[in-house]
Amino acid sequence: MKKLSRNQIRLHRKRRIRAKVSGTPEIPRLAVFRSLRNISVQVIDDISGKTLVSASLLEIKGKNTVVGAEGVGTMVAEKCQALKIEKVVFDRAGYKYHGKVKAVAEAARKAGLKF
């Protein structure tokens, strides 16, 4: 049996999560993507298939650290409030809920989004 890479295992977890988590126009999905150089967040309406809000480290010109992730979470929450989006469902995309992913979620909560 072939050994799966760490990313293949994450993608398997992601598919399992996405089967249960879906965004609507009233309560969109907040999806996090974390790479080695960047963190990006999108607020997505899955019914129409459109991205409502997005934010990344490139916009805030931050570093790929927990502090930078907090900045991204705060920015996405502010953009959501401008569009009158108050509630979202959190999609961690198979990543563990700690470190940068947790920082994005907690900063968005602190800035006013409800999960």
N, C-alpha and C. Protein backbone atom coordinates (compact mmCIF):
# COMPACT_ATOMS: atom_id res chain seq x y z
N MET A 1 0.83 -1.18 0.00
CA MET A 1 0.00 0.00 0.00
C MET A 1 0.88 1.24 0.00
N LYS A 2 0.53 2.21 -0.84
CA LYS A 2 1.31 3.42 -0.99
C LYS A 2 1.08 4.36 0.19
N LYS A 3 2.16 4.94 0.67
CA LYS A 3 2.05 5.87 1.78
C LYS A 3 1.55 7.22 1.28
N LEU A 4 0.56 7.79 1.97
CA LEU A 4 0.00 9.07 1.59
C LEU A 4 0.85 10.21 2.16
N SER A 5 0.96 11.28 1.40
CA SER A 5 1.70 12.44 1.89
C SER A 5 0.84 13.20 2.90
N ARG A 6 1.47 14.10 3.60
CA ARG A 6 0.77 14.90 4.59
C ARG A 6 -0.34 15.73 3.94
N ASN A 7 -0.06 16.25 2.73
CA ASN A 7 -1.07 17.06 2.05
C ASN A 7 -2.22 16.20 1.54
N GLN A 8 -1.96 14.97 1.10
CA GLN A 8 -3.04 14.09 0.66
C GLN A 8 -3.96 13.74 1.82
N ILE A 9 -3.40 13.54 2.99
CA ILE A 9 -4.20 13.26 4.18
C ILE A 9 -5.05 14.49 4.52
N ARG A 10 -4.46 15.70 4.41
CA ARG A 10 -5.20 16.93 4.68
C ARG A 10 -6.36 17.09 3.69
N LEU A 11 -6.11 16.79 2.41
CA LEU A 11 -7.16 16.92 1.42
C LEU A 11 -8.30 15.92 1.66
N HIS A 12 -7.97 14.75 2.17
CA HIS A 12 -8.99 13.77 2.53
C HIS A 12 -9.85 14.33 3.67
N ARG A 13 -9.20 14.92 4.68
CA ARG A 13 -9.92 15.55 5.79
C ARG A 13 -10.78 16.70 5.27
N LYS A 14 -10.24 17.47 4.32
CA LYS A 14 -10.97 18.61 3.75
C LYS A 14 -12.26 18.15 3.07
N ARG A 15 -12.19 17.08 2.28
CA ARG A 15 -13.39 16.56 1.62
C ARG A 15 -14.44 16.12 2.64
N ARG A 16 -13.98 15.51 3.71
CA ARG A 16 -14.90 15.05 4.76
C ARG A 16 -15.59 16.24 5.43
N ILE A 17 -14.82 17.32 5.68
CA ILE A 17 -15.39 18.52 6.31
C ILE A 17 -16.37 19.20 5.36
N ARG A 18 -15.99 19.30 4.07
CA ARG A 18 -16.83 20.01 3.10
C ARG A 18 -18.15 19.30 2.84
N ALA A 19 -18.21 18.01 3.11
CA ALA A 19 -19.47 17.29 2.97
C ALA A 19 -20.48 17.75 4.00
N LYS A 20 -20.01 18.30 5.11
CA LYS A 20 -20.88 18.72 6.21
C LYS A 20 -21.05 20.23 6.29
N VAL A 21 -20.08 21.01 5.79
CA VAL A 21 -20.08 22.46 5.93
C VAL A 21 -20.38 23.09 4.58
N SER A 22 -21.41 23.93 4.56
CA SER A 22 -21.77 24.63 3.32
C SER A 22 -22.24 26.03 3.66
N GLY A 23 -21.94 26.98 2.78
CA GLY A 23 -22.32 28.36 3.00
C GLY A 23 -23.58 28.73 2.24
N THR A 24 -24.40 29.57 2.83
CA THR A 24 -25.62 30.08 2.21
C THR A 24 -25.49 31.60 2.09
N PRO A 25 -26.40 32.25 1.37
CA PRO A 25 -26.31 33.72 1.30
C PRO A 25 -26.45 34.39 2.68
N GLU A 26 -27.24 33.80 3.58
CA GLU A 26 -27.42 34.38 4.91
C GLU A 26 -26.22 34.08 5.81
N ILE A 27 -25.74 32.83 5.76
CA ILE A 27 -24.60 32.41 6.59
C ILE A 27 -23.55 31.80 5.67
N PRO A 28 -22.64 32.62 5.13
CA PRO A 28 -21.64 32.09 4.20
C PRO A 28 -20.53 31.31 4.91
N ARG A 29 -19.69 30.67 4.13
CA ARG A 29 -18.60 29.85 4.64
C ARG A 29 -17.31 30.66 4.64
N LEU A 30 -16.60 30.69 5.77
CA LEU A 30 -15.31 31.35 5.88
C LEU A 30 -14.24 30.28 5.70
N ALA A 31 -13.59 30.27 4.53
CA ALA A 31 -12.62 29.24 4.19
C ALA A 31 -11.21 29.79 4.34
N VAL A 32 -10.34 29.03 5.00
CA VAL A 32 -8.96 29.43 5.24
C VAL A 32 -8.05 28.58 4.36
N PHE A 33 -7.08 29.22 3.72
CA PHE A 33 -6.03 28.50 3.01
C PHE A 33 -4.69 28.97 3.55
N ARG A 34 -3.86 28.03 3.89
CA ARG A 34 -2.57 28.34 4.49
C ARG A 34 -1.49 27.67 3.65
N SER A 35 -0.55 28.47 3.14
CA SER A 35 0.58 27.91 2.42
C SER A 35 1.85 28.23 3.20
N LEU A 36 2.97 27.90 2.63
CA LEU A 36 4.22 28.17 3.33
C LEU A 36 4.56 29.66 3.35
N ARG A 37 3.98 30.44 2.42
CA ARG A 37 4.30 31.86 2.33
C ARG A 37 3.14 32.79 2.59
N ASN A 38 1.92 32.29 2.61
CA ASN A 38 0.76 33.17 2.65
C ASN A 38 -0.38 32.53 3.42
N ILE A 39 -1.29 33.36 3.87
CA ILE A 39 -2.55 32.91 4.46
C ILE A 39 -3.63 33.71 3.74
N SER A 40 -4.61 33.01 3.20
CA SER A 40 -5.71 33.71 2.56
C SER A 40 -7.03 33.18 3.09
N VAL A 41 -8.00 34.08 3.15
CA VAL A 41 -9.31 33.76 3.70
C VAL A 41 -10.35 34.25 2.72
N GLN A 42 -11.38 33.42 2.49
CA GLN A 42 -12.48 33.82 1.63
C GLN A 42 -13.79 33.56 2.35
N VAL A 43 -14.76 34.44 2.12
CA VAL A 43 -16.12 34.23 2.60
C VAL A 43 -16.93 33.90 1.35
N ILE A 44 -17.49 32.68 1.32
CA ILE A 44 -18.07 32.13 0.10
C ILE A 44 -19.53 31.78 0.29
N ASP A 45 -20.35 32.14 -0.71
CA ASP A 45 -21.73 31.69 -0.81
C ASP A 45 -21.72 30.47 -1.73
N ASP A 46 -21.88 29.28 -1.17
CA ASP A 46 -21.76 28.06 -1.96
C ASP A 46 -22.95 27.81 -2.88
N ILE A 47 -24.09 28.40 -2.59
CA ILE A 47 -25.26 28.18 -3.44
C ILE A 47 -25.06 28.85 -4.79
N SER A 48 -24.61 30.11 -4.78
CA SER A 48 -24.35 30.80 -6.05
C SER A 48 -22.92 30.58 -6.53
N GLY A 49 -22.07 30.06 -5.67
CA GLY A 49 -20.68 29.78 -6.05
C GLY A 49 -19.83 31.03 -6.18
N LYS A 50 -20.13 32.05 -5.38
CA LYS A 50 -19.40 33.31 -5.48
C LYS A 50 -18.67 33.64 -4.19
N THR A 51 -17.50 34.25 -4.36
CA THR A 51 -16.74 34.75 -3.22
C THR A 51 -17.26 36.13 -2.89
N LEU A 52 -17.70 36.32 -1.66
CA LEU A 52 -18.24 37.60 -1.24
C LEU A 52 -17.14 38.53 -0.73
N VAL A 53 -16.20 37.98 0.04
CA VAL A 53 -15.13 38.76 0.64
C VAL A 53 -13.87 37.91 0.61
N SER A 54 -12.72 38.56 0.42
CA SER A 54 -11.46 37.84 0.54
C SER A 54 -10.42 38.74 1.19
N ALA A 55 -9.45 38.12 1.83
CA ALA A 55 -8.35 38.85 2.45
C ALA A 55 -7.14 37.93 2.48
N SER A 56 -5.96 38.52 2.41
CA SER A 56 -4.74 37.72 2.49
C SER A 56 -3.62 38.56 3.09
N LEU A 57 -2.51 37.89 3.36
CA LEU A 57 -1.34 38.58 3.90
C LEU A 57 -0.80 39.61 2.93
N LEU A 58 -1.00 39.40 1.63
CA LEU A 58 -0.49 40.34 0.64
C LEU A 58 -1.16 41.70 0.77
N GLU A 59 -2.44 41.71 1.18
CA GLU A 59 -3.15 42.98 1.33
C GLU A 59 -2.67 43.77 2.53
N ILE A 60 -2.42 43.08 3.63
CA ILE A 60 -2.01 43.80 4.84
C ILE A 60 -0.49 43.95 4.93
N LYS A 61 0.22 43.35 3.97
CA LYS A 61 1.69 43.37 3.93
C LYS A 61 2.29 42.91 5.26
N GLY A 62 1.72 41.79 5.76
CA GLY A 62 2.21 41.21 7.00
C GLY A 62 3.11 40.02 6.74
N LYS A 63 3.67 39.51 7.81
CA LYS A 63 4.51 38.32 7.70
C LYS A 63 3.68 37.07 7.98
N ASN A 64 4.16 35.94 7.51
CA ASN A 64 3.45 34.68 7.67
C ASN A 64 3.70 34.13 9.07
N THR A 65 3.11 34.82 10.05
CA THR A 65 3.22 34.43 11.45
C THR A 65 1.82 34.45 12.06
N VAL A 66 1.74 34.11 13.32
CA VAL A 66 0.46 34.14 14.02
C VAL A 66 -0.07 35.58 14.07
N VAL A 67 0.82 36.55 14.23
CA VAL A 67 0.41 37.96 14.27
C VAL A 67 -0.15 38.38 12.91
N GLY A 68 0.48 37.95 11.84
CA GLY A 68 -0.03 38.24 10.51
C GLY A 68 -1.38 37.59 10.27
N ALA A 69 -1.55 36.38 10.78
CA ALA A 69 -2.83 35.68 10.64
C ALA A 69 -3.93 36.42 11.38
N GLU A 70 -3.61 36.99 12.54
CA GLU A 70 -4.59 37.78 13.27
C GLU A 70 -5.01 39.00 12.46
N GLY A 71 -4.06 39.61 11.78
CA GLY A 71 -4.38 40.76 10.92
C GLY A 71 -5.32 40.38 9.79
N VAL A 72 -5.11 39.21 9.21
CA VAL A 72 -5.99 38.74 8.13
C VAL A 72 -7.39 38.48 8.68
N GLY A 73 -7.48 37.89 9.86
CA GLY A 73 -8.79 37.63 10.47
C GLY A 73 -9.54 38.91 10.78
N THR A 74 -8.83 39.91 11.28
CA THR A 74 -9.46 41.19 11.57
C THR A 74 -9.93 41.87 10.29
N MET A 75 -9.10 41.81 9.24
CA MET A 75 -9.46 42.46 7.98
C MET A 75 -10.69 41.81 7.35
N VAL A 76 -10.77 40.49 7.36
CA VAL A 76 -11.92 39.82 6.75
C VAL A 76 -13.19 40.12 7.55
N ALA A 77 -13.08 40.25 8.86
CA ALA A 77 -14.26 40.58 9.68
C ALA A 77 -14.74 41.99 9.38
N GLU A 78 -13.82 42.93 9.20
CA GLU A 78 -14.21 44.30 8.87
C GLU A 78 -14.89 44.37 7.50
N LYS A 79 -14.36 43.63 6.52
CA LYS A 79 -14.97 43.61 5.20
C LYS A 79 -16.36 42.98 5.24
N CYS A 80 -16.52 41.94 6.08
CA CYS A 80 -17.83 41.30 6.22
C CYS A 80 -18.84 42.26 6.84
N GLN A 81 -18.42 43.01 7.83
CA GLN A 81 -19.33 43.95 8.47
C GLN A 81 -19.74 45.05 7.50
N ALA A 82 -18.86 45.42 6.57
CA ALA A 82 -19.21 46.42 5.56
C ALA A 82 -20.31 45.89 4.64
N LEU A 83 -20.34 44.57 4.41
CA LEU A 83 -21.39 43.95 3.59
C LEU A 83 -22.56 43.43 4.43
N LYS A 84 -22.56 43.77 5.73
CA LYS A 84 -23.61 43.36 6.66
C LYS A 84 -23.71 41.85 6.81
N ILE A 85 -22.56 41.18 6.81
CA ILE A 85 -22.49 39.75 7.09
C ILE A 85 -22.07 39.60 8.54
N GLU A 86 -22.93 38.99 9.36
CA GLU A 86 -22.65 38.87 10.79
C GLU A 86 -22.25 37.46 11.20
N LYS A 87 -22.87 36.45 10.55
CA LYS A 87 -22.61 35.06 10.92
C LYS A 87 -21.96 34.33 9.76
N VAL A 88 -21.02 33.45 10.08
CA VAL A 88 -20.36 32.60 9.09
C VAL A 88 -20.18 31.21 9.68
N VAL A 89 -19.95 30.24 8.81
CA VAL A 89 -19.52 28.92 9.26
C VAL A 89 -18.04 28.80 8.92
N PHE A 90 -17.27 28.24 9.81
CA PHE A 90 -15.81 28.21 9.67
C PHE A 90 -15.38 26.91 8.99
N ASP A 91 -14.61 27.04 7.92
CA ASP A 91 -14.06 25.90 7.19
C ASP A 91 -12.55 25.95 7.32
N ARG A 92 -12.00 25.05 8.11
CA ARG A 92 -10.55 25.06 8.35
C ARG A 92 -9.78 24.30 7.28
N ALA A 93 -10.49 23.73 6.30
CA ALA A 93 -9.91 23.09 5.12
C ALA A 93 -8.94 21.95 5.46
N GLY A 94 -9.23 21.23 6.53
CA GLY A 94 -8.41 20.08 6.87
C GLY A 94 -7.20 20.41 7.73
N TYR A 95 -6.93 21.69 7.96
CA TYR A 95 -5.81 22.07 8.82
C TYR A 95 -6.20 21.88 10.28
N LYS A 96 -5.22 21.61 11.13
CA LYS A 96 -5.50 21.52 12.55
C LYS A 96 -5.90 22.89 13.07
N TYR A 97 -6.79 22.90 14.05
CA TYR A 97 -7.25 24.17 14.62
C TYR A 97 -6.27 24.61 15.71
N HIS A 98 -5.13 25.11 15.27
CA HIS A 98 -4.16 25.69 16.19
C HIS A 98 -3.24 26.58 15.39
N GLY A 99 -2.47 27.38 16.06
CA GLY A 99 -1.52 28.25 15.38
C GLY A 99 -2.20 29.32 14.54
N LYS A 100 -1.83 29.40 13.27
CA LYS A 100 -2.32 30.47 12.38
C LYS A 100 -3.80 30.34 12.08
N VAL A 101 -4.29 29.12 11.91
CA VAL A 101 -5.72 28.92 11.61
C VAL A 101 -6.55 29.37 12.81
N LYS A 102 -6.12 29.02 13.99
CA LYS A 102 -6.82 29.44 15.21
C LYS A 102 -6.74 30.96 15.38
N ALA A 103 -5.60 31.56 15.04
CA ALA A 103 -5.44 33.01 15.16
C ALA A 103 -6.38 33.75 14.23
N VAL A 104 -6.56 33.24 13.00
CA VAL A 104 -7.50 33.86 12.06
C VAL A 104 -8.92 33.81 12.63
N ALA A 105 -9.32 32.65 13.14
CA ALA A 105 -10.68 32.48 13.66
C ALA A 105 -10.93 33.36 14.87
N GLU A 106 -10.00 33.39 15.81
CA GLU A 106 -10.20 34.16 17.03
C GLU A 106 -10.18 35.66 16.76
N ALA A 107 -9.33 36.11 15.83
CA ALA A 107 -9.30 37.53 15.48
C ALA A 107 -10.59 37.95 14.79
N ALA A 108 -11.14 37.08 13.95
CA ALA A 108 -12.41 37.39 13.29
C ALA A 108 -13.54 37.45 14.31
N ARG A 109 -13.52 36.54 15.27
CA ARG A 109 -14.53 36.57 16.35
C ARG A 109 -14.42 37.85 17.16
N LYS A 110 -13.19 38.20 17.50
CA LYS A 110 -12.97 39.39 18.31
C LYS A 110 -13.41 40.65 17.57
N ALA A 111 -13.28 40.66 16.25
CA ALA A 111 -13.66 41.82 15.44
C ALA A 111 -15.16 41.87 15.15
N GLY A 112 -15.90 40.85 15.58
CA GLY A 112 -17.37 40.94 15.50
C GLY A 112 -18.07 39.86 14.71
N LEU A 113 -17.36 38.93 14.07
CA LEU A 113 -18.05 37.86 13.35
C LEU A 113 -18.50 36.78 14.34
N LYS A 114 -19.64 36.18 14.03
CA LYS A 114 -20.14 35.09 14.86
C LYS A 114 -20.01 33.80 14.10
N PHE A 115 -19.48 32.78 14.75
CA PHE A 115 -19.30 31.47 14.12
C PHE A 115 -20.38 30.53 14.60
